[in-house]
mmCIF file of all heavy atoms, coordinates in Angstrom:
data_MODEL
# 
_entry.id   MODEL 
# 
loop_
_atom_site.group_PDB 
_atom_site.id 
_atom_site.type_symbol 
_atom_site.label_atom_id 
_atom_site.label_alt_id 
_atom_site.label_comp_id 
_atom_site.label_asym_id 
_atom_site.label_entity_id 
_atom_site.label_seq_id 
_atom_site.pdbx_PDB_ins_code 
_atom_site.Cartn_x 
_atom_site.Cartn_y 
_atom_site.Cartn_z 
_atom_site.occupancy 
_atom_site.B_iso_or_equiv 
_atom_site.pdbx_formal_charge 
_atom_site.auth_seq_id 
_atom_site.auth_comp_id 
_atom_site.auth_asym_id 
_atom_site.auth_atom_id 
_atom_site.pdbx_PDB_model_num 
ATOM 1   N N   . LEU A 1 1  ? 36.383 93.904 -113.395 1.00 0.00 ? 1  LEU A N   1 
ATOM 2   C CA  . LEU A 1 1  ? 37.445 93.184 -112.705 1.00 0.00 ? 1  LEU A CA  1 
ATOM 3   C C   . LEU A 1 1  ? 37.494 91.723 -113.147 1.00 0.00 ? 1  LEU A C   1 
ATOM 4   O O   . LEU A 1 1  ? 38.584 91.160 -113.342 1.00 0.00 ? 1  LEU A O   1 
ATOM 5   C CB  . LEU A 1 1  ? 37.232 93.276 -111.194 1.00 0.00 ? 1  LEU A CB  1 
ATOM 6   C CG  . LEU A 1 1  ? 38.233 92.558 -110.298 1.00 0.00 ? 1  LEU A CG  1 
ATOM 7   C CD1 . LEU A 1 1  ? 39.654 93.073 -110.547 1.00 0.00 ? 1  LEU A CD1 1 
ATOM 8   C CD2 . LEU A 1 1  ? 37.854 92.733 -108.830 1.00 0.00 ? 1  LEU A CD2 1 
ATOM 9   N N   . ALA A 1 2  ? 36.313 91.109 -113.311 1.00 0.00 ? 2  ALA A N   1 
ATOM 10  C CA  . ALA A 1 2  ? 36.257 89.713 -113.759 1.00 0.00 ? 2  ALA A CA  1 
ATOM 11  C C   . ALA A 1 2  ? 36.927 89.559 -115.123 1.00 0.00 ? 2  ALA A C   1 
ATOM 12  O O   . ALA A 1 2  ? 37.693 88.614 -115.355 1.00 0.00 ? 2  ALA A O   1 
ATOM 13  C CB  . ALA A 1 2  ? 34.810 89.236 -113.821 1.00 0.00 ? 2  ALA A CB  1 
ATOM 14  N N   . LEU A 1 3  ? 36.660 90.491 -116.027 1.00 0.00 ? 3  LEU A N   1 
ATOM 15  C CA  . LEU A 1 3  ? 37.236 90.426 -117.368 1.00 0.00 ? 3  LEU A CA  1 
ATOM 16  C C   . LEU A 1 3  ? 38.748 90.624 -117.328 1.00 0.00 ? 3  LEU A C   1 
ATOM 17  O O   . LEU A 1 3  ? 39.491 89.944 -118.058 1.00 0.00 ? 3  LEU A O   1 
ATOM 18  C CB  . LEU A 1 3  ? 36.586 91.472 -118.266 1.00 0.00 ? 3  LEU A CB  1 
ATOM 19  C CG  . LEU A 1 3  ? 37.006 91.476 -119.742 1.00 0.00 ? 3  LEU A CG  1 
ATOM 20  C CD1 . LEU A 1 3  ? 36.751 90.112 -120.375 1.00 0.00 ? 3  LEU A CD1 1 
ATOM 21  C CD2 . LEU A 1 3  ? 36.282 92.571 -120.512 1.00 0.00 ? 3  LEU A CD2 1 
ATOM 22  N N   . THR A 1 4  ? 39.225 91.515 -116.491 1.00 0.00 ? 4  THR A N   1 
ATOM 23  C CA  . THR A 1 4  ? 40.674 91.725 -116.347 1.00 0.00 ? 4  THR A CA  1 
ATOM 24  C C   . THR A 1 4  ? 41.368 90.434 -115.917 1.00 0.00 ? 4  THR A C   1 
ATOM 25  O O   . THR A 1 4  ? 42.393 90.033 -116.487 1.00 0.00 ? 4  THR A O   1 
ATOM 26  C CB  . THR A 1 4  ? 40.955 92.829 -115.311 1.00 0.00 ? 4  THR A CB  1 
ATOM 27  O OG1 . THR A 1 4  ? 40.396 94.057 -115.780 1.00 0.00 ? 4  THR A OG1 1 
ATOM 28  C CG2 . THR A 1 4  ? 42.445 93.007 -115.086 1.00 0.00 ? 4  THR A CG2 1 
ATOM 29  N N   . CYS A 1 5  ? 40.802 89.772 -114.900 1.00 0.00 ? 5  CYS A N   1 
ATOM 30  C CA  . CYS A 1 5  ? 41.377 88.509 -114.417 1.00 0.00 ? 5  CYS A CA  1 
ATOM 31  C C   . CYS A 1 5  ? 41.325 87.439 -115.497 1.00 0.00 ? 5  CYS A C   1 
ATOM 32  O O   . CYS A 1 5  ? 42.288 86.692 -115.708 1.00 0.00 ? 5  CYS A O   1 
ATOM 33  C CB  . CYS A 1 5  ? 40.639 88.044 -113.166 1.00 0.00 ? 5  CYS A CB  1 
ATOM 34  S SG  . CYS A 1 5  ? 40.777 89.137 -111.739 1.00 0.00 ? 5  CYS A SG  1 
ATOM 35  N N   . LEU A 1 6  ? 40.182 87.347 -116.188 1.00 0.00 ? 6  LEU A N   1 
ATOM 36  C CA  . LEU A 1 6  ? 40.002 86.327 -117.216 1.00 0.00 ? 6  LEU A CA  1 
ATOM 37  C C   . LEU A 1 6  ? 40.991 86.515 -118.365 1.00 0.00 ? 6  LEU A C   1 
ATOM 38  O O   . LEU A 1 6  ? 41.559 85.541 -118.880 1.00 0.00 ? 6  LEU A O   1 
ATOM 39  C CB  . LEU A 1 6  ? 38.559 86.376 -117.736 1.00 0.00 ? 6  LEU A CB  1 
ATOM 40  C CG  . LEU A 1 6  ? 38.170 85.327 -118.792 1.00 0.00 ? 6  LEU A CG  1 
ATOM 41  C CD1 . LEU A 1 6  ? 38.388 83.915 -118.256 1.00 0.00 ? 6  LEU A CD1 1 
ATOM 42  C CD2 . LEU A 1 6  ? 36.721 85.519 -119.210 1.00 0.00 ? 6  LEU A CD2 1 
ATOM 43  N N   . GLN A 1 7  ? 41.217 87.732 -118.764 1.00 0.00 ? 7  GLN A N   1 
ATOM 44  C CA  . GLN A 1 7  ? 42.149 88.001 -119.866 1.00 0.00 ? 7  GLN A CA  1 
ATOM 45  C C   . GLN A 1 7  ? 43.570 87.563 -119.507 1.00 0.00 ? 7  GLN A C   1 
ATOM 46  O O   . GLN A 1 7  ? 44.287 87.014 -120.356 1.00 0.00 ? 7  GLN A O   1 
ATOM 47  C CB  . GLN A 1 7  ? 42.118 89.491 -120.226 1.00 0.00 ? 7  GLN A CB  1 
ATOM 48  C CG  . GLN A 1 7  ? 40.849 89.900 -120.964 1.00 0.00 ? 7  GLN A CG  1 
ATOM 49  C CD  . GLN A 1 7  ? 40.714 91.401 -121.139 1.00 0.00 ? 7  GLN A CD  1 
ATOM 50  O OE1 . GLN A 1 7  ? 41.323 92.177 -120.389 1.00 0.00 ? 7  GLN A OE1 1 
ATOM 51  N NE2 . GLN A 1 7  ? 39.930 91.831 -122.118 1.00 0.00 ? 7  GLN A NE2 1 
ATOM 52  N N   . GLU A 1 8  ? 43.969 87.796 -118.268 1.00 0.00 ? 8  GLU A N   1 
ATOM 53  C CA  . GLU A 1 8  ? 45.303 87.359 -117.842 1.00 0.00 ? 8  GLU A CA  1 
ATOM 54  C C   . GLU A 1 8  ? 45.405 85.832 -117.844 1.00 0.00 ? 8  GLU A C   1 
ATOM 55  O O   . GLU A 1 8  ? 46.433 85.269 -118.237 1.00 0.00 ? 8  GLU A O   1 
ATOM 56  C CB  . GLU A 1 8  ? 45.618 87.906 -116.444 1.00 0.00 ? 8  GLU A CB  1 
ATOM 57  C CG  . GLU A 1 8  ? 45.752 89.416 -116.370 1.00 0.00 ? 8  GLU A CG  1 
ATOM 58  C CD  . GLU A 1 8  ? 46.908 89.931 -117.204 1.00 0.00 ? 8  GLU A CD  1 
ATOM 59  O OE1 . GLU A 1 8  ? 47.939 89.225 -117.315 1.00 0.00 ? 8  GLU A OE1 1 
ATOM 60  O OE2 . GLU A 1 8  ? 46.800 91.049 -117.754 1.00 0.00 ? 8  GLU A OE2 1 
ATOM 61  N N   . LEU A 1 9  ? 44.353 85.178 -117.398 1.00 0.00 ? 9  LEU A N   1 
ATOM 62  C CA  . LEU A 1 9  ? 44.358 83.713 -117.378 1.00 0.00 ? 9  LEU A CA  1 
ATOM 63  C C   . LEU A 1 9  ? 44.355 83.135 -118.792 1.00 0.00 ? 9  LEU A C   1 
ATOM 64  O O   . LEU A 1 9  ? 45.022 82.125 -119.066 1.00 0.00 ? 9  LEU A O   1 
ATOM 65  C CB  . LEU A 1 9  ? 43.133 83.206 -116.598 1.00 0.00 ? 9  LEU A CB  1 
ATOM 66  C CG  . LEU A 1 9  ? 43.184 83.440 -115.080 1.00 0.00 ? 9  LEU A CG  1 
ATOM 67  C CD1 . LEU A 1 9  ? 41.817 83.217 -114.453 1.00 0.00 ? 9  LEU A CD1 1 
ATOM 68  C CD2 . LEU A 1 9  ? 44.224 82.514 -114.428 1.00 0.00 ? 9  LEU A CD2 1 
ATOM 69  N N   . ARG A 1 10 ? 43.630 83.766 -119.706 1.00 0.00 ? 10 ARG A N   1 
ATOM 70  C CA  . ARG A 1 10 ? 43.620 83.311 -121.092 1.00 0.00 ? 10 ARG A CA  1 
ATOM 71  C C   . ARG A 1 10 ? 45.010 83.405 -121.726 1.00 0.00 ? 10 ARG A C   1 
ATOM 72  O O   . ARG A 1 10 ? 45.426 82.522 -122.482 1.00 0.00 ? 10 ARG A O   1 
ATOM 73  C CB  . ARG A 1 10 ? 42.631 84.149 -121.909 1.00 0.00 ? 10 ARG A CB  1 
ATOM 74  C CG  . ARG A 1 10 ? 41.173 83.750 -121.762 1.00 0.00 ? 10 ARG A CG  1 
ATOM 75  C CD  . ARG A 1 10 ? 40.331 84.741 -122.524 1.00 0.00 ? 10 ARG A CD  1 
ATOM 76  N NE  . ARG A 1 10 ? 38.909 84.439 -122.490 1.00 0.00 ? 10 ARG A NE  1 
ATOM 77  C CZ  . ARG A 1 10 ? 37.981 85.327 -122.787 1.00 0.00 ? 10 ARG A CZ  1 
ATOM 78  N NH1 . ARG A 1 10 ? 38.319 86.569 -123.128 1.00 0.00 ? 10 ARG A NH1 1 
ATOM 79  N NH2 . ARG A 1 10 ? 36.703 84.994 -122.747 1.00 0.00 ? 10 ARG A NH2 1 
ATOM 80  N N   . LYS A 1 11 ? 45.705 84.489 -121.436 1.00 0.00 ? 11 LYS A N   1 
ATOM 81  C CA  . LYS A 1 11 ? 47.056 84.652 -121.988 1.00 0.00 ? 11 LYS A CA  1 
ATOM 82  C C   . LYS A 1 11 ? 47.986 83.544 -121.512 1.00 0.00 ? 11 LYS A C   1 
ATOM 83  O O   . LYS A 1 11 ? 48.800 83.020 -122.271 1.00 0.00 ? 11 LYS A O   1 
ATOM 84  C CB  . LYS A 1 11 ? 47.636 86.010 -121.572 1.00 0.00 ? 11 LYS A CB  1 
ATOM 85  C CG  . LYS A 1 11 ? 47.002 87.212 -122.229 1.00 0.00 ? 11 LYS A CG  1 
ATOM 86  C CD  . LYS A 1 11 ? 47.640 88.491 -121.655 1.00 0.00 ? 11 LYS A CD  1 
ATOM 87  C CE  . LYS A 1 11 ? 46.862 89.735 -122.054 1.00 0.00 ? 11 LYS A CE  1 
ATOM 88  N NZ  . LYS A 1 11 ? 47.404 90.956 -121.384 1.00 0.00 ? 11 LYS A NZ  1 
ATOM 89  N N   . GLN A 1 12 ? 47.875 83.208 -120.241 1.00 0.00 ? 12 GLN A N   1 
ATOM 90  C CA  . GLN A 1 12 ? 48.774 82.216 -119.650 1.00 0.00 ? 12 GLN A CA  1 
ATOM 91  C C   . GLN A 1 12 ? 48.365 80.785 -119.993 1.00 0.00 ? 12 GLN A C   1 
ATOM 92  O O   . GLN A 1 12 ? 49.220 79.915 -120.193 1.00 0.00 ? 12 GLN A O   1 
ATOM 93  C CB  . GLN A 1 12 ? 48.804 82.394 -118.128 1.00 0.00 ? 12 GLN A CB  1 
ATOM 94  C CG  . GLN A 1 12 ? 49.749 81.457 -117.400 1.00 0.00 ? 12 GLN A CG  1 
ATOM 95  C CD  . GLN A 1 12 ? 51.211 81.759 -117.684 1.00 0.00 ? 12 GLN A CD  1 
ATOM 96  O OE1 . GLN A 1 12 ? 51.541 82.839 -118.190 1.00 0.00 ? 12 GLN A OE1 1 
ATOM 97  N NE2 . GLN A 1 12 ? 52.092 80.826 -117.368 1.00 0.00 ? 12 GLN A NE2 1 
ATOM 98  N N   . PHE A 1 13 ? 47.039 80.530 -120.047 1.00 0.00 ? 13 PHE A N   1 
ATOM 99  C CA  . PHE A 1 13 ? 46.544 79.165 -120.279 1.00 0.00 ? 13 PHE A CA  1 
ATOM 100 C C   . PHE A 1 13 ? 45.510 79.176 -121.412 1.00 0.00 ? 13 PHE A C   1 
ATOM 101 O O   . PHE A 1 13 ? 44.303 78.989 -121.168 1.00 0.00 ? 13 PHE A O   1 
ATOM 102 C CB  . PHE A 1 13 ? 45.904 78.611 -118.995 1.00 0.00 ? 13 PHE A CB  1 
ATOM 103 C CG  . PHE A 1 13 ? 46.766 78.743 -117.766 1.00 0.00 ? 13 PHE A CG  1 
ATOM 104 C CD1 . PHE A 1 13 ? 46.498 79.721 -116.815 1.00 0.00 ? 13 PHE A CD1 1 
ATOM 105 C CD2 . PHE A 1 13 ? 47.841 77.894 -117.552 1.00 0.00 ? 13 PHE A CD2 1 
ATOM 106 C CE1 . PHE A 1 13 ? 47.283 79.854 -115.682 1.00 0.00 ? 13 PHE A CE1 1 
ATOM 107 C CE2 . PHE A 1 13 ? 48.635 78.014 -116.412 1.00 0.00 ? 13 PHE A CE2 1 
ATOM 108 C CZ  . PHE A 1 13 ? 48.357 79.002 -115.474 1.00 0.00 ? 13 PHE A CZ  1 
ATOM 109 N N   . PRO A 1 14 ? 45.950 79.390 -122.655 1.00 0.00 ? 14 PRO A N   1 
ATOM 110 C CA  . PRO A 1 14 ? 44.990 79.572 -123.762 1.00 0.00 ? 14 PRO A CA  1 
ATOM 111 C C   . PRO A 1 14 ? 44.130 78.353 -124.077 1.00 0.00 ? 14 PRO A C   1 
ATOM 112 O O   . PRO A 1 14 ? 43.021 78.504 -124.589 1.00 0.00 ? 14 PRO A O   1 
ATOM 113 C CB  . PRO A 1 14 ? 45.900 79.926 -124.950 1.00 0.00 ? 14 PRO A CB  1 
ATOM 114 C CG  . PRO A 1 14 ? 47.247 79.401 -124.573 1.00 0.00 ? 14 PRO A CG  1 
ATOM 115 C CD  . PRO A 1 14 ? 47.346 79.526 -123.098 1.00 0.00 ? 14 PRO A CD  1 
ATOM 116 N N   . ASP A 1 15 ? 44.599 77.157 -123.742 1.00 0.00 ? 15 ASP A N   1 
ATOM 117 C CA  . ASP A 1 15 ? 43.850 75.941 -124.089 1.00 0.00 ? 15 ASP A CA  1 
ATOM 118 C C   . ASP A 1 15 ? 43.248 75.246 -122.875 1.00 0.00 ? 15 ASP A C   1 
ATOM 119 O O   . ASP A 1 15 ? 42.782 74.109 -122.974 1.00 0.00 ? 15 ASP A O   1 
ATOM 120 C CB  . ASP A 1 15 ? 44.778 74.957 -124.832 1.00 0.00 ? 15 ASP A CB  1 
ATOM 121 C CG  . ASP A 1 15 ? 45.327 75.550 -126.119 1.00 0.00 ? 15 ASP A CG  1 
ATOM 122 O OD1 . ASP A 1 15 ? 44.541 76.195 -126.852 1.00 0.00 ? 15 ASP A OD1 1 
ATOM 123 O OD2 . ASP A 1 15 ? 46.534 75.382 -126.382 1.00 0.00 ? 15 ASP A OD2 1 
ATOM 124 N N   . SER A 1 16 ? 43.258 75.907 -121.746 1.00 0.00 ? 16 SER A N   1 
ATOM 125 C CA  . SER A 1 16 ? 42.805 75.277 -120.500 1.00 0.00 ? 16 SER A CA  1 
ATOM 126 C C   . SER A 1 16 ? 41.286 75.161 -120.444 1.00 0.00 ? 16 SER A C   1 
ATOM 127 O O   . SER A 1 16 ? 40.572 76.145 -120.660 1.00 0.00 ? 16 SER A O   1 
ATOM 128 C CB  . SER A 1 16 ? 43.296 76.100 -119.306 1.00 0.00 ? 16 SER A CB  1 
ATOM 129 O OG  . SER A 1 16 ? 42.631 75.732 -118.129 1.00 0.00 ? 16 SER A OG  1 
ATOM 130 N N   . HIS A 1 17 ? 40.799 73.955 -120.145 1.00 0.00 ? 17 HIS A N   1 
ATOM 131 C CA  . HIS A 1 17 ? 39.359 73.766 -119.940 1.00 0.00 ? 17 HIS A CA  1 
ATOM 132 C C   . HIS A 1 17 ? 38.866 74.561 -118.731 1.00 0.00 ? 17 HIS A C   1 
ATOM 133 O O   . HIS A 1 17 ? 37.729 75.033 -118.713 1.00 0.00 ? 17 HIS A O   1 
ATOM 134 C CB  . HIS A 1 17 ? 39.049 72.288 -119.743 1.00 0.00 ? 17 HIS A CB  1 
ATOM 135 C CG  . HIS A 1 17 ? 39.134 71.493 -120.997 1.00 0.00 ? 17 HIS A CG  1 
ATOM 136 N ND1 . HIS A 1 17 ? 39.176 70.116 -121.023 1.00 0.00 ? 17 HIS A ND1 1 
ATOM 137 C CD2 . HIS A 1 17 ? 39.178 71.882 -122.297 1.00 0.00 ? 17 HIS A CD2 1 
ATOM 138 C CE1 . HIS A 1 17 ? 39.247 69.690 -122.268 1.00 0.00 ? 17 HIS A CE1 1 
ATOM 139 N NE2 . HIS A 1 17 ? 39.252 70.734 -123.063 1.00 0.00 ? 17 HIS A NE2 1 
ATOM 140 N N   . ARG A 1 18 ? 39.729 74.674 -117.738 1.00 0.00 ? 18 ARG A N   1 
ATOM 141 C CA  . ARG A 1 18 ? 39.357 75.414 -116.528 1.00 0.00 ? 18 ARG A CA  1 
ATOM 142 C C   . ARG A 1 18 ? 39.102 76.883 -116.855 1.00 0.00 ? 18 ARG A C   1 
ATOM 143 O O   . ARG A 1 18 ? 38.135 77.486 -116.362 1.00 0.00 ? 18 ARG A O   1 
ATOM 144 C CB  . ARG A 1 18 ? 40.475 75.274 -115.508 1.00 0.00 ? 18 ARG A CB  1 
ATOM 145 C CG  . ARG A 1 18 ? 40.175 75.831 -114.127 1.00 0.00 ? 18 ARG A CG  1 
ATOM 146 C CD  . ARG A 1 18 ? 41.172 75.253 -113.161 1.00 0.00 ? 18 ARG A CD  1 
ATOM 147 N NE  . ARG A 1 18 ? 41.111 75.857 -111.848 1.00 0.00 ? 18 ARG A NE  1 
ATOM 148 C CZ  . ARG A 1 18 ? 41.757 75.374 -110.788 1.00 0.00 ? 18 ARG A CZ  1 
ATOM 149 N NH1 . ARG A 1 18 ? 42.477 74.289 -110.905 1.00 0.00 ? 18 ARG A NH1 1 
ATOM 150 N NH2 . ARG A 1 18 ? 41.666 75.974 -109.611 1.00 0.00 ? 18 ARG A NH2 1 
ATOM 151 N N   . VAL A 1 19 ? 39.956 77.463 -117.691 1.00 0.00 ? 19 VAL A N   1 
ATOM 152 C CA  . VAL A 1 19 ? 39.773 78.859 -118.084 1.00 0.00 ? 19 VAL A CA  1 
ATOM 153 C C   . VAL A 1 19 ? 38.554 79.005 -118.991 1.00 0.00 ? 19 VAL A C   1 
ATOM 154 O O   . VAL A 1 19 ? 37.805 79.986 -118.896 1.00 0.00 ? 19 VAL A O   1 
ATOM 155 C CB  . VAL A 1 19 ? 41.047 79.400 -118.771 1.00 0.00 ? 19 VAL A CB  1 
ATOM 156 C CG1 . VAL A 1 19 ? 40.810 80.810 -119.306 1.00 0.00 ? 19 VAL A CG1 1 
ATOM 157 C CG2 . VAL A 1 19 ? 42.219 79.396 -117.792 1.00 0.00 ? 19 VAL A CG2 1 
ATOM 158 N N   . LYS A 1 20 ? 38.319 78.019 -119.856 1.00 0.00 ? 20 LYS A N   1 
ATOM 159 C CA  . LYS A 1 20 ? 37.126 78.059 -120.704 1.00 0.00 ? 20 LYS A CA  1 
ATOM 160 C C   . LYS A 1 20 ? 35.856 77.996 -119.857 1.00 0.00 ? 20 LYS A C   1 
ATOM 161 O O   . LYS A 1 20 ? 34.852 78.652 -120.174 1.00 0.00 ? 20 LYS A O   1 
ATOM 162 C CB  . LYS A 1 20 ? 37.148 76.901 -121.705 1.00 0.00 ? 20 LYS A CB  1 
ATOM 163 C CG  . LYS A 1 20 ? 38.198 77.053 -122.799 1.00 0.00 ? 20 LYS A CG  1 
ATOM 164 C CD  . LYS A 1 20 ? 38.217 75.841 -123.722 1.00 0.00 ? 20 LYS A CD  1 
ATOM 165 C CE  . LYS A 1 20 ? 39.299 75.981 -124.788 1.00 0.00 ? 20 LYS A CE  1 
ATOM 166 N NZ  . LYS A 1 20 ? 39.401 74.782 -125.646 1.00 0.00 ? 20 LYS A NZ  1 
ATOM 167 N N   . ARG A 1 21 ? 35.921 77.224 -118.770 1.00 0.00 ? 21 ARG A N   1 
ATOM 168 C CA  . ARG A 1 21 ? 34.758 77.173 -117.864 1.00 0.00 ? 21 ARG A CA  1 
ATOM 169 C C   . ARG A 1 21 ? 34.537 78.526 -117.198 1.00 0.00 ? 21 ARG A C   1 
ATOM 170 O O   . ARG A 1 21 ? 33.390 78.964 -117.024 1.00 0.00 ? 21 ARG A O   1 
ATOM 171 C CB  . ARG A 1 21 ? 34.969 76.085 -116.807 1.00 0.00 ? 21 ARG A CB  1 
ATOM 172 C CG  . ARG A 1 21 ? 33.877 76.042 -115.741 1.00 0.00 ? 21 ARG A CG  1 
ATOM 173 C CD  . ARG A 1 21 ? 34.023 74.827 -114.860 1.00 0.00 ? 21 ARG A CD  1 
ATOM 174 N NE  . ARG A 1 21 ? 35.321 74.755 -114.226 1.00 0.00 ? 21 ARG A NE  1 
ATOM 175 C CZ  . ARG A 1 21 ? 35.656 75.390 -113.103 1.00 0.00 ? 21 ARG A CZ  1 
ATOM 176 N NH1 . ARG A 1 21 ? 34.776 76.184 -112.514 1.00 0.00 ? 21 ARG A NH1 1 
ATOM 177 N NH2 . ARG A 1 21 ? 36.849 75.236 -112.583 1.00 0.00 ? 21 ARG A NH2 1 
ATOM 178 N N   . LEU A 1 22 ? 35.620 79.199 -116.816 1.00 0.00 ? 22 LEU A N   1 
ATOM 179 C CA  . LEU A 1 22 ? 35.492 80.539 -116.241 1.00 0.00 ? 22 LEU A CA  1 
ATOM 180 C C   . LEU A 1 22 ? 34.884 81.512 -117.247 1.00 0.00 ? 22 LEU A C   1 
ATOM 181 O O   . LEU A 1 22 ? 34.093 82.387 -116.879 1.00 0.00 ? 22 LEU A O   1 
ATOM 182 C CB  . LEU A 1 22 ? 36.861 81.045 -115.784 1.00 0.00 ? 22 LEU A CB  1 
ATOM 183 C CG  . LEU A 1 22 ? 37.482 80.326 -114.577 1.00 0.00 ? 22 LEU A CG  1 
ATOM 184 C CD1 . LEU A 1 22 ? 38.905 80.808 -114.357 1.00 0.00 ? 22 LEU A CD1 1 
ATOM 185 C CD2 . LEU A 1 22 ? 36.638 80.534 -113.324 1.00 0.00 ? 22 LEU A CD2 1 
ATOM 186 N N   . THR A 1 23 ? 35.236 81.351 -118.528 1.00 0.00 ? 23 THR A N   1 
ATOM 187 C CA  . THR A 1 23 ? 34.622 82.177 -119.576 1.00 0.00 ? 23 THR A CA  1 
ATOM 188 C C   . THR A 1 23 ? 33.114 81.948 -119.612 1.00 0.00 ? 23 THR A C   1 
ATOM 189 O O   . THR A 1 23 ? 32.328 82.899 -119.708 1.00 0.00 ? 23 THR A O   1 
ATOM 190 C CB  . THR A 1 23 ? 35.236 81.841 -120.952 1.00 0.00 ? 23 THR A CB  1 
ATOM 191 O OG1 . THR A 1 23 ? 36.645 82.053 -120.904 1.00 0.00 ? 23 THR A OG1 1 
ATOM 192 C CG2 . THR A 1 23 ? 34.626 82.712 -122.045 1.00 0.00 ? 23 THR A CG2 1 
ATOM 193 N N   . GLY A 1 24 ? 32.721 80.681 -119.516 1.00 0.00 ? 24 GLY A N   1 
ATOM 194 C CA  . GLY A 1 24 ? 31.295 80.357 -119.476 1.00 0.00 ? 24 GLY A CA  1 
ATOM 195 C C   . GLY A 1 24 ? 30.604 80.944 -118.269 1.00 0.00 ? 24 GLY A C   1 
ATOM 196 O O   . GLY A 1 24 ? 29.475 81.451 -118.360 1.00 0.00 ? 24 GLY A O   1 
ATOM 197 N N   . MET A 1 25 ? 31.267 80.936 -117.124 1.00 0.00 ? 25 MET A N   1 
ATOM 198 C CA  . MET A 1 25 ? 30.675 81.501 -115.907 1.00 0.00 ? 25 MET A CA  1 
ATOM 199 C C   . MET A 1 25 ? 30.454 83.002 -116.042 1.00 0.00 ? 25 MET A C   1 
ATOM 200 O O   . MET A 1 25 ? 29.455 83.539 -115.563 1.00 0.00 ? 25 MET A O   1 
ATOM 201 C CB  . MET A 1 25 ? 31.564 81.187 -114.700 1.00 0.00 ? 25 MET A CB  1 
ATOM 202 C CG  . MET A 1 25 ? 31.578 79.721 -114.316 1.00 0.00 ? 25 MET A CG  1 
ATOM 203 S SD  . MET A 1 25 ? 32.792 79.318 -113.032 1.00 0.00 ? 25 MET A SD  1 
ATOM 204 C CE  . MET A 1 25 ? 32.150 80.246 -111.642 1.00 0.00 ? 25 MET A CE  1 
# 
């Protein structure tokens, strides 16, 4: 489920530091 959410966020915000932090988490 975490990966599903993360993939959607990456598509919408590919350069976001916030999304990159979620990737790290």
